[in-house]
Amino acid sequence: EILNKDGTINRKVLGAKVFGNQERLKSLTDIVWPEIAQMAKERVREAEAQGKAVCVLDAAVLLEAGWQDMVHEVWTAIIPEEEAVRRIVARDGLSEEAARRRLQSQMTNRQRVEQSQVVLCTLWEPDITRQQVSLGLLQLQ
């Protein structure tokens, strides 16, 4: 019942089943996260074998999944809760209540910032974001 006709996952249906139900969410993440971690580690090994100096792991659940040991630095993008709710409602067509349930199943901005070396905000003007990214890149060197 969570699959679309083409066999892909209907994220809206799946989300309704797991967000707000910690037991179901944990069951799902216990299945999916180890597989995703293995795929990410393999990609990092491939990049290293190709002589890449930097490899970016774009993982929305990196902190929740405990994958900090897979990276040298954690860069986090945050937005205020009200903006997050507005974006979820617009993107996924969910009610405000359902969007808030999704957010409540995630780490807070404060928790993310505490575990990050570089913090960005998607509400900043592009030139401010570029400056912050440049500062973060200087730290890598």
Protein backbone atom coordinates (compact mmCIF):
# COMPACT_ATOMS: atom_id res chain seq x y z
CA GLU A 1 0.00 0.00 0.00
CA ILE A 2 3.01 2.32 0.16
CA LEU A 3 4.05 1.69 -3.44
CA ASN A 4 3.10 3.70 -6.49
CA LYS A 5 1.99 1.83 -9.60
CA ASP A 6 5.52 2.05 -11.02
CA GLY A 7 6.95 0.33 -7.92
CA THR A 8 8.49 3.44 -6.36
CA ILE A 9 7.72 4.39 -2.78
CA ASN A 10 4.87 6.80 -2.21
CA ARG A 11 6.64 9.02 0.32
CA LYS A 12 3.41 10.73 1.40
CA VAL A 13 1.75 7.42 2.35
CA LEU A 14 4.91 6.08 3.99
CA GLY A 15 5.39 9.33 5.91
CA ALA A 16 1.83 9.19 7.24
CA LYS A 17 2.55 5.72 8.60
CA VAL A 18 5.89 6.42 10.29
CA PHE A 19 6.08 10.08 11.31
CA GLY A 20 4.52 10.49 14.73
CA ASN A 21 4.95 6.78 15.48
CA GLN A 22 8.43 6.33 16.93
CA GLU A 23 8.25 2.52 16.93
CA ARG A 24 7.40 2.34 13.22
CA LEU A 25 9.96 5.01 12.36
CA LYS A 26 12.68 3.13 14.25
CA SER A 27 11.73 -0.14 12.52
CA LEU A 28 12.07 1.57 9.15
CA THR A 29 15.36 3.31 9.94
CA ASP A 30 16.81 0.08 11.38
CA ILE A 31 16.27 -1.48 7.95
CA VAL A 32 17.19 1.42 5.68
CA TRP A 33 20.01 3.30 7.41
CA PRO A 34 22.58 0.47 7.50
CA GLU A 35 22.10 -0.09 3.76
CA ILE A 36 22.46 3.62 2.99
CA ALA A 37 25.58 3.81 5.18
CA GLN A 38 27.18 0.95 3.23
CA MET A 39 26.37 2.64 -0.08
CA ALA A 40 27.85 5.93 1.17
CA LYS A 41 31.03 4.25 2.42
CA GLU A 42 31.47 2.57 -0.95
CA ARG A 43 31.09 5.89 -2.78
CA VAL A 44 33.65 7.50 -0.46
CA ARG A 45 36.09 4.63 -1.14
CA GLU A 46 35.56 5.09 -4.89
CA ALA A 47 36.25 8.83 -4.62
CA GLU A 48 39.39 8.15 -2.60
CA ALA A 49 40.58 5.56 -5.14
CA GLN A 50 40.10 8.17 -7.89
CA GLY A 51 42.34 10.57 -5.97
CA LYS A 52 39.61 13.01 -5.05
CA ALA A 53 40.75 15.50 -2.40
CA VAL A 54 37.24 16.20 -1.09
CA CYS A 55 34.14 14.06 -1.00
CA VAL A 56 30.81 15.54 0.08
CA LEU A 57 28.30 13.25 1.74
CA ASP A 58 24.88 14.88 1.39
CA ALA A 59 22.88 13.06 4.05
CA ALA A 60 19.87 14.70 5.70
CA VAL A 61 19.92 12.14 8.53
CA LEU A 62 23.69 12.02 9.06
CA LEU A 63 23.46 13.10 12.70
CA GLU A 64 20.33 11.10 13.54
CA ALA A 65 21.89 7.98 12.03
CA GLY A 66 25.17 8.47 13.90
CA TRP A 67 27.28 8.62 10.75
CA GLN A 68 29.63 11.33 12.05
CA ASP A 69 32.49 8.81 11.97
CA MET A 70 32.14 8.68 8.17
CA VAL A 71 33.09 12.35 7.75
CA HIS A 72 35.77 14.80 8.80
CA GLU A 73 33.36 17.69 9.30
CA VAL A 74 29.63 18.15 9.60
CA TRP A 75 28.09 21.05 7.68
CA THR A 76 24.46 21.72 8.54
CA ALA A 77 21.77 23.80 6.84
CA ILE A 78 19.05 25.05 9.15
CA ILE A 79 15.85 27.06 8.85
CA PRO A 80 13.37 28.33 11.44
CA GLU A 81 10.60 25.86 12.30
CA GLU A 82 7.81 27.99 10.82
CA GLU A 83 9.62 28.17 7.49
CA ALA A 84 10.24 24.41 7.58
CA VAL A 85 6.53 23.79 8.17
CA ARG A 86 5.60 26.14 5.31
CA ARG A 87 8.00 24.36 2.92
CA ILE A 88 6.83 20.87 3.88
CA VAL A 89 3.18 21.85 3.42
CA ALA A 90 3.93 23.41 0.01
CA ARG A 91 6.20 20.59 -1.19
CA ASP A 92 4.30 17.55 0.05
CA GLY A 93 0.74 18.86 0.26
CA LEU A 94 0.55 17.89 3.95
CA SER A 95 -1.47 19.58 6.64
CA GLU A 96 0.37 21.89 9.02
CA GLU A 97 -0.16 19.33 11.79
CA ALA A 98 1.37 16.51 9.72
CA ALA A 99 4.32 18.73 8.81
CA ARG A 100 4.92 19.51 12.50
CA ARG A 101 4.83 15.78 13.33
CA ARG A 102 7.58 15.23 10.78
CA LEU A 103 9.69 17.97 12.29
CA GLN A 104 9.15 16.63 15.81
CA SER A 105 10.62 13.29 14.71
CA GLN A 106 13.85 15.06 13.74
CA MET A 107 16.66 16.74 15.65
CA THR A 108 16.14 20.38 16.52
CA ASN A 109 18.21 23.12 14.94
CA ARG A 110 19.97 23.58 18.28
CA GLN A 111 20.96 19.89 18.41
CA ARG A 112 22.27 20.04 14.85
CA VAL A 113 24.27 23.22 15.45
CA GLU A 114 25.87 21.73 18.57
CA GLN A 115 27.22 18.83 16.47
CA SER A 116 28.31 20.82 13.41
CA GLN A 117 31.51 22.55 12.41
CA VAL A 118 29.86 24.79 9.79
CA VAL A 119 26.27 26.05 9.86
CA LEU A 120 24.36 27.52 6.93
CA CYS A 121 20.82 28.90 6.71
CA THR A 122 18.79 28.59 3.55
CA LEU A 123 17.10 31.93 4.26
CA TRP A 124 20.34 33.87 3.83
CA GLU A 125 21.03 35.92 0.75
CA PRO A 126 23.20 33.99 -1.73
CA ASP A 127 26.25 36.22 -1.16
CA ILE A 128 26.11 35.61 2.60
CA THR A 129 25.86 31.85 1.99
CA ARG A 130 28.86 31.99 -0.37
CA GLN A 131 30.89 33.80 2.30
CA GLN A 132 30.01 31.18 4.91
CA VAL A 133 30.86 28.33 2.54
CA SER A 134 34.20 30.01 1.76
CA LEU A 135 34.98 30.26 5.47
CA GLY A 136 34.18 26.57 5.89
CA LEU A 137 36.37 25.63 2.93
CA LEU A 138 39.27 27.66 4.34
CA GLN A 139 39.02 25.60 7.51
CA LEU A 140 39.42 22.41 5.46
CA GLN A 141 42.77 23.52 4.05
